[in-house]
Amino acid sequence: MFARSLSCALLLLGTALAQSSSYTDPDNGIVFQGFTDPVHNITYGAVFPPLAANSTEFIGEIVAPIANAWVGITLGGSMLDSLLLVAWPNGNSIVSSPRYASSYALPVWYSGPTLTTLPSSEVNATHWKWVYRCQNCTVWNGGSINLSGSPTLAWAVSTVPVATPSDAKSTFVEHTDFGFWGESVVDAHASAADYSTWASG
C-alpha cells in the first residue's frame, strides 16, 4: 500500500522535490518526461498527446531493477482518492493493475482506465520494463492531472512479491519505500503524429 503519511511527507520535502526531465528511451524512441529515483534506480516516465487535444490518456513507462517485486505510482500525489497504477513482472510478461484507495488499506481494483502494455515492455535477468498506454486516466473519482502544469506525483516500491503474480487483482503487502517527484506535464506533450505512432506500438 502507499504510505500513510504522504501529505505530511510532502510538507517536509519543500524545495527538495526532484523534478522531471526529458529523455528518450533507446528501445522504442519515445521521448518521455520523467524521473529516476537515485535510491532504487527506478525510472518513471510519461508523455501526453498535444495539450490542445484535451485528451484523457497518456503513455508511461516504469523501468525497475529485478529486485523490485512491484512498483506503483499515484497520479494524484497521494494514496487517497487518486488513480494508482501498480505493475509487477510475472515470468516474461508484465501484469498491470489500476487501483484506488479511499482509506489507508489495500487499494482496490478501479474500473474505468484501460491499460495496454506496449511491445517494448520486457523482463530480463537484471531489469523489468513496463511501457504502457493509459486511456481514461487523466481524470478519476475525486481528482485529475493538471495537463498544463507540474503536478506532484508519488511512487511506491516493494521487494515483497504480490500474492498471485498472474492475477491483476492480486493482494499485496504495504510498500517498503515511497517518494515523490514533480512531473512537468506541461513539457510532456508530443505532437499528434508522434503520439499516435508511439501509442500504436
C-alpha atoms as a PDB file:
ATOM      1  CA  MET A   1       0.000   0.000   0.000  1.00  0.00           C
ATOM      2  CA  PHE A   2       1.020   3.588  -0.404  1.00  0.00           C
ATOM      3  CA  ALA A   3       2.257   5.492   2.627  1.00  0.00           C
ATOM      4  CA  ARG A   4       0.024   6.560   5.475  1.00  0.00           C
ATOM      5  CA  SER A   5       1.815   9.868   5.772  1.00  0.00           C
ATOM      6  CA  LEU A   6       2.116  11.129   2.206  1.00  0.00           C
ATOM      7  CA  SER A   7       0.643  14.537   2.941  1.00  0.00           C
ATOM      8  CA  CYS A   8       2.993  15.102   5.894  1.00  0.00           C
ATOM      9  CA  ALA A   9       5.991  13.974   3.883  1.00  0.00           C
ATOM     10  CA  LEU A  10       5.092  16.431   1.127  1.00  0.00           C
ATOM     11  CA  LEU A  11       5.362  19.289   3.597  1.00  0.00           C
ATOM     12  CA  LEU A  12       8.828  18.144   4.608  1.00  0.00           C
ATOM     13  CA  LEU A  13      10.089  17.861   1.053  1.00  0.00           C
ATOM     14  CA  GLY A  14       9.687  21.559   0.248  1.00  0.00           C
ATOM     15  CA  THR A  15      12.107  22.724  -2.397  1.00  0.00           C
ATOM     16  CA  ALA A  16      13.972  19.412  -2.328  1.00  0.00           C
ATOM     17  CA  LEU A  17      11.293  17.792  -4.504  1.00  0.00           C
ATOM     18  CA  ALA A  18      13.002  16.213  -7.512  1.00  0.00           C
ATOM     19  CA  GLN A  19      11.869  17.500 -10.884  1.00  0.00           C
ATOM     20  CA  SER A  20      11.372  15.528 -14.077  1.00  0.00           C
ATOM     21  CA  SER A  21      13.418  15.985 -17.234  1.00  0.00           C
ATOM     22  CA  SER A  22      13.180  14.865 -20.840  1.00  0.00           C
ATOM     23  CA  TYR A  23      14.767  11.605 -22.001  1.00  0.00           C
ATOM     24  CA  THR A  24      14.453   9.239 -24.952  1.00  0.00           C
ATOM     25  CA  ASP A  25      14.023   5.505 -24.430  1.00  0.00           C
ATOM     26  CA  PRO A  26      16.557   3.928 -26.838  1.00  0.00           C
ATOM     27  CA  ASP A  27      14.433   0.780 -27.228  1.00  0.00           C
ATOM     28  CA  ASN A  28      11.350   2.484 -28.633  1.00  0.00           C
ATOM     29  CA  GLY A  29      12.326   6.074 -29.485  1.00  0.00           C
ATOM     30  CA  ILE A  30       9.633   7.521 -27.216  1.00  0.00           C
ATOM     31  CA  VAL A  31      10.529  10.891 -25.717  1.00  0.00           C
ATOM     32  CA  PHE A  32       9.375  10.854 -22.093  1.00  0.00           C
ATOM     33  CA  GLN A  33       9.309  13.471 -19.365  1.00  0.00           C
ATOM     34  CA  GLY A  34      10.444  11.537 -16.349  1.00  0.00           C
ATOM     35  CA  PHE A  35      12.418  10.972 -13.198  1.00  0.00           C
ATOM     36  CA  THR A  36      14.866   8.335 -11.936  1.00  0.00           C
ATOM     37  CA  ASP A  37      14.820   7.622  -8.217  1.00  0.00           C
ATOM     38  CA  PRO A  38      18.516   7.542  -7.185  1.00  0.00           C
ATOM     39  CA  VAL A  39      17.963   5.138  -4.278  1.00  0.00           C
ATOM     40  CA  HIS A  40      16.256   2.286  -6.137  1.00  0.00           C
ATOM     41  CA  ASN A  41      17.340   3.309  -9.666  1.00  0.00           C
ATOM     42  CA  ILE A  42      13.753   3.130 -10.938  1.00  0.00           C
ATOM     43  CA  THR A  43      12.739   5.383 -13.823  1.00  0.00           C
ATOM     44  CA  TYR A  44       9.219   6.757 -14.206  1.00  0.00           C
ATOM     45  CA  GLY A  45       8.265   8.452 -17.463  1.00  0.00           C
ATOM     46  CA  ALA A  46       5.204   9.866 -19.201  1.00  0.00           C
ATOM     47  CA  VAL A  47       4.239  11.563 -22.466  1.00  0.00           C
ATOM     48  CA  PHE A  48       0.877  13.087 -23.333  1.00  0.00           C
ATOM     49  CA  PRO A  49      -0.991  13.964 -26.530  1.00  0.00           C
ATOM     50  CA  PRO A  50      -0.984  17.620 -27.642  1.00  0.00           C
ATOM     51  CA  LEU A  51      -2.326  19.903 -24.928  1.00  0.00           C
ATOM     52  CA  ALA A  52      -4.983  21.365 -27.224  1.00  0.00           C
ATOM     53  CA  ALA A  53      -6.456  17.887 -27.700  1.00  0.00           C
ATOM     54  CA  ASN A  54      -7.543  17.851 -24.026  1.00  0.00           C
ATOM     55  CA  SER A  55      -7.067  14.085 -24.074  1.00  0.00           C
ATOM     56  CA  THR A  56      -7.703  11.760 -21.146  1.00  0.00           C
ATOM     57  CA  GLU A  57      -4.779   9.452 -21.857  1.00  0.00           C
ATOM     58  CA  PHE A  58      -1.003   9.230 -21.780  1.00  0.00           C
ATOM     59  CA  ILE A  59       1.860   6.815 -22.459  1.00  0.00           C
ATOM     60  CA  GLY A  60       4.008   5.900 -19.483  1.00  0.00           C
ATOM     61  CA  GLU A  61       6.855   3.642 -18.506  1.00  0.00           C
ATOM     62  CA  ILE A  62       8.460   2.171 -15.425  1.00  0.00           C
ATOM     63  CA  VAL A  63      11.962   0.689 -15.639  1.00  0.00           C
ATOM     64  CA  ALA A  64      12.987  -1.157 -12.481  1.00  0.00           C
ATOM     65  CA  PRO A  65      15.794  -3.457 -11.299  1.00  0.00           C
ATOM     66  CA  ILE A  66      14.518  -7.022 -10.970  1.00  0.00           C
ATOM     67  CA  ALA A  67      14.805  -6.906  -7.158  1.00  0.00           C
ATOM     68  CA  ASN A  68      11.730  -4.681  -7.086  1.00  0.00           C
ATOM     69  CA  ALA A  69       8.803  -7.089  -6.904  1.00  0.00           C
ATOM     70  CA  TRP A  70       6.161  -4.460  -7.603  1.00  0.00           C
ATOM     71  CA  VAL A  71       6.181  -0.750  -8.339  1.00  0.00           C
ATOM     72  CA  GLY A  72       3.346   1.743  -8.267  1.00  0.00           C
ATOM     73  CA  ILE A  73       2.643   5.382  -8.982  1.00  0.00           C
ATOM     74  CA  THR A  74      -0.104   7.667  -7.791  1.00  0.00           C
ATOM     75  CA  LEU A  75      -1.199  10.257 -10.313  1.00  0.00           C
ATOM     76  CA  GLY A  76      -2.680  12.475  -7.625  1.00  0.00           C
ATOM     77  CA  GLY A  77       0.441  12.642  -5.469  1.00  0.00           C
ATOM     78  CA  SER A  78      -1.123  10.840  -2.500  1.00  0.00           C
ATOM     79  CA  MET A  79      -2.590   7.447  -1.782  1.00  0.00           C
ATOM     80  CA  LEU A  80      -6.118   8.547  -1.003  1.00  0.00           C
ATOM     81  CA  ASP A  81      -8.685   9.386  -3.690  1.00  0.00           C
ATOM     82  CA  SER A  82      -6.184   9.073  -6.523  1.00  0.00           C
ATOM     83  CA  LEU A  83      -5.699   6.817  -9.501  1.00  0.00           C
ATOM     84  CA  LEU A  84      -2.956   4.334  -8.606  1.00  0.00           C
ATOM     85  CA  LEU A  85      -1.134   2.270 -11.234  1.00  0.00           C
ATOM     86  CA  VAL A  86       0.674  -0.828  -9.975  1.00  0.00           C
ATOM     87  CA  ALA A  87       2.758  -3.252 -12.036  1.00  0.00           C
ATOM     88  CA  TRP A  88       4.954  -6.297 -11.497  1.00  0.00           C
ATOM     89  CA  PRO A  89       6.741  -8.972 -13.530  1.00  0.00           C
ATOM     90  CA  ASN A  90       5.180 -12.383 -13.979  1.00  0.00           C
ATOM     91  CA  GLY A  91       7.616 -14.655 -15.767  1.00  0.00           C
ATOM     92  CA  ASN A  92       8.490 -12.883 -19.029  1.00  0.00           C
ATOM     93  CA  SER A  93       5.497 -10.561 -19.008  1.00  0.00           C
ATOM     94  CA  ILE A  94       4.212  -7.590 -17.027  1.00  0.00           C
ATOM     95  CA  VAL A  95       0.954  -7.572 -15.069  1.00  0.00           C
ATOM     96  CA  SER A  96      -0.649  -4.166 -14.513  1.00  0.00           C
ATOM     97  CA  SER A  97      -3.379  -3.095 -12.139  1.00  0.00           C
ATOM     98  CA  PRO A  98      -5.363   0.164 -11.802  1.00  0.00           C
ATOM     99  CA  ARG A  99      -6.209   0.730  -8.147  1.00  0.00           C
ATOM    100  CA  TYR A 100      -7.983   3.220  -5.891  1.00  0.00           C
ATOM    101  CA  ALA A 101      -7.990   3.767  -2.138  1.00  0.00           C
ATOM    102  CA  SER A 102     -10.401   5.786  -0.031  1.00  0.00           C
ATOM    103  CA  SER A 103      -8.663   4.716   3.196  1.00  0.00           C
ATOM    104  CA  TYR A 104      -5.190   3.582   4.246  1.00  0.00           C
ATOM    105  CA  ALA A 105      -5.774  -0.043   3.342  1.00  0.00           C
ATOM    106  CA  LEU A 106      -5.050  -2.276   0.363  1.00  0.00           C
ATOM    107  CA  PRO A 107      -6.094  -0.302  -2.758  1.00  0.00           C
ATOM    108  CA  VAL A 108      -8.970  -1.960  -4.598  1.00  0.00           C
ATOM    109  CA  TRP A 109      -9.369  -2.611  -8.319  1.00  0.00           C
ATOM    110  CA  TYR A 110     -10.511   0.561 -10.108  1.00  0.00           C
ATOM    111  CA  SER A 111     -12.712   0.167 -13.175  1.00  0.00           C
ATOM    112  CA  GLY A 112     -12.517   2.809 -15.892  1.00  0.00           C
ATOM    113  CA  PRO A 113      -8.879   3.083 -17.022  1.00  0.00           C
ATOM    114  CA  THR A 114      -7.735   0.938 -19.936  1.00  0.00           C
ATOM    115  CA  LEU A 115      -4.110  -0.186 -19.584  1.00  0.00           C
ATOM    116  CA  THR A 116      -2.409  -1.508 -22.722  1.00  0.00           C
ATOM    117  CA  THR A 117       1.091  -2.927 -22.373  1.00  0.00           C
ATOM    118  CA  LEU A 118       3.168  -1.828 -25.389  1.00  0.00           C
ATOM    119  CA  PRO A 119       5.630  -4.100 -27.250  1.00  0.00           C
ATOM    120  CA  SER A 120       8.867  -2.607 -25.876  1.00  0.00           C
ATOM    121  CA  SER A 121       7.973  -3.877 -22.396  1.00  0.00           C
ATOM    122  CA  GLU A 122      10.278  -6.644 -21.230  1.00  0.00           C
ATOM    123  CA  VAL A 123      11.640  -8.716 -18.378  1.00  0.00           C
ATOM    124  CA  ASN A 124      15.282  -9.787 -18.373  1.00  0.00           C
ATOM    125  CA  ALA A 125      17.853 -11.018 -15.857  1.00  0.00           C
ATOM    126  CA  THR A 126      18.523  -7.572 -14.388  1.00  0.00           C
ATOM    127  CA  HIS A 127      15.506  -5.335 -15.048  1.00  0.00           C
ATOM    128  CA  TRP A 128      11.862  -5.222 -15.990  1.00  0.00           C
ATOM    129  CA  LYS A 129      10.278  -2.507 -18.061  1.00  0.00           C
ATOM    130  CA  TRP A 130       6.604  -1.695 -18.408  1.00  0.00           C
ATOM    131  CA  VAL A 131       5.722   0.615 -21.303  1.00  0.00           C
ATOM    132  CA  TYR A 132       2.007   1.274 -21.362  1.00  0.00           C
ATOM    133  CA  ARG A 133      -0.836   3.302 -22.801  1.00  0.00           C
ATOM    134  CA  CYS A 134      -3.212   4.518 -20.101  1.00  0.00           C
ATOM    135  CA  GLN A 135      -6.586   5.564 -21.533  1.00  0.00           C
ATOM    136  CA  ASN A 136      -9.256   7.288 -19.453  1.00  0.00           C
ATOM    137  CA  CYS A 137      -6.537   8.037 -16.918  1.00  0.00           C
ATOM    138  CA  THR A 138      -6.189  11.805 -16.503  1.00  0.00           C
ATOM    139  CA  VAL A 139      -9.489  12.184 -14.629  1.00  0.00           C
ATOM    140  CA  TRP A 140     -10.719   9.901 -11.848  1.00  0.00           C
ATOM    141  CA  ASN A 141     -13.139   9.876  -8.947  1.00  0.00           C
ATOM    142  CA  GLY A 142     -12.079  12.848  -6.843  1.00  0.00           C
ATOM    143  CA  GLY A 143      -9.254  14.225  -8.963  1.00  0.00           C
ATOM    144  CA  SER A 144      -7.373  14.834 -12.207  1.00  0.00           C
ATOM    145  CA  ILE A 145      -3.949  15.651 -13.614  1.00  0.00           C
ATOM    146  CA  ASN A 146      -3.189  19.289 -14.415  1.00  0.00           C
ATOM    147  CA  LEU A 147      -2.282  18.885 -18.093  1.00  0.00           C
ATOM    148  CA  SER A 148      -0.754  22.361 -18.292  1.00  0.00           C
ATOM    149  CA  GLY A 149       1.149  22.297 -15.010  1.00  0.00           C
ATOM    150  CA  SER A 150       3.784  20.456 -12.998  1.00  0.00           C
ATOM    151  CA  PRO A 151       1.888  18.286 -10.518  1.00  0.00           C
ATOM    152  CA  THR A 152       3.494  16.279  -7.750  1.00  0.00           C
ATOM    153  CA  LEU A 153       3.323  12.528  -8.378  1.00  0.00           C
ATOM    154  CA  ALA A 154       4.351   9.771  -5.996  1.00  0.00           C
ATOM    155  CA  TRP A 155       5.929   6.338  -6.323  1.00  0.00           C
ATOM    156  CA  ALA A 156       5.904   3.256  -4.131  1.00  0.00           C
ATOM    157  CA  VAL A 157       8.021   0.118  -4.347  1.00  0.00           C
ATOM    158  CA  SER A 158       8.216  -3.248  -2.628  1.00  0.00           C
ATOM    159  CA  THR A 159      10.718  -6.089  -2.597  1.00  0.00           C
ATOM    160  CA  VAL A 160       7.945  -8.458  -1.462  1.00  0.00           C
ATOM    161  CA  PRO A 161       6.102 -10.142  -4.367  1.00  0.00           C
ATOM    162  CA  VAL A 162       2.344  -9.867  -4.733  1.00  0.00           C
ATOM    163  CA  ALA A 163       0.334 -12.856  -3.536  1.00  0.00           C
ATOM    164  CA  THR A 164      -0.677 -14.076  -7.010  1.00  0.00           C
ATOM    165  CA  PRO A 165       1.586 -12.616  -9.711  1.00  0.00           C
ATOM    166  CA  SER A 166      -0.607 -13.832 -12.586  1.00  0.00           C
ATOM    167  CA  ASP A 167      -3.675 -12.007 -11.235  1.00  0.00           C
ATOM    168  CA  ALA A 168      -4.041  -8.254 -11.847  1.00  0.00           C
ATOM    169  CA  LYS A 169      -6.400  -8.107  -8.846  1.00  0.00           C
ATOM    170  CA  SER A 170      -3.893  -9.800  -6.528  1.00  0.00           C
ATOM    171  CA  THR A 171      -3.409  -8.680  -2.956  1.00  0.00           C
ATOM    172  CA  PHE A 172      -0.023  -7.346  -1.847  1.00  0.00           C
ATOM    173  CA  VAL A 173       1.560  -6.021   1.307  1.00  0.00           C
ATOM    174  CA  GLU A 174       2.467  -2.424   2.100  1.00  0.00           C
ATOM    175  CA  HIS A 175       5.335  -0.883   0.139  1.00  0.00           C
ATOM    176  CA  THR A 176       8.870  -0.963   1.503  1.00  0.00           C
ATOM    177  CA  ASP A 177       9.618   2.588   0.336  1.00  0.00           C
ATOM    178  CA  PHE A 178       7.950   5.571  -1.328  1.00  0.00           C
ATOM    179  CA  GLY A 179       8.730   9.059  -2.559  1.00  0.00           C
ATOM    180  CA  PHE A 180       7.668  12.000  -4.720  1.00  0.00           C
ATOM    181  CA  TRP A 181       8.707  13.946  -7.771  1.00  0.00           C
ATOM    182  CA  GLY A 182       7.484  16.964  -9.715  1.00  0.00           C
ATOM    183  CA  GLU A 183       6.275  15.845 -13.154  1.00  0.00           C
ATOM    184  CA  SER A 184       6.466  18.666 -15.690  1.00  0.00           C
ATOM    185  CA  VAL A 185       3.367  17.620 -17.610  1.00  0.00           C
ATOM    186  CA  VAL A 186       3.306  20.943 -19.423  1.00  0.00           C
ATOM    187  CA  ASP A 187       6.596  19.901 -21.090  1.00  0.00           C
ATOM    188  CA  ALA A 188       5.458  16.337 -21.772  1.00  0.00           C
ATOM    189  CA  HIS A 189       3.107  16.888 -24.722  1.00  0.00           C
ATOM    190  CA  ALA A 190       4.170  15.296 -28.013  1.00  0.00           C
ATOM    191  CA  SER A 191       2.959  16.125 -31.494  1.00  0.00           C
ATOM    192  CA  ALA A 192      -0.195  14.346 -32.630  1.00  0.00           C
ATOM    193  CA  ALA A 193       1.793  12.331 -35.186  1.00  0.00           C
ATOM    194  CA  ASP A 194       4.449  11.194 -32.724  1.00  0.00           C
ATOM    195  CA  TYR A 195       1.943  10.326 -30.060  1.00  0.00           C
ATOM    196  CA  SER A 196      -0.168   8.286 -32.457  1.00  0.00           C
ATOM    197  CA  THR A 197       2.890   6.355 -33.636  1.00  0.00           C
ATOM    198  CA  TRP A 198       4.093   5.641 -30.114  1.00  0.00           C
ATOM    199  CA  ALA A 199       0.632   4.692 -28.847  1.00  0.00           C
ATOM    200  CA  SER A 200       0.200   2.167 -31.642  1.00  0.00           C
ATOM    201  CA  GLY A 201       3.362   0.374 -30.522  1.00  0.00           C
END
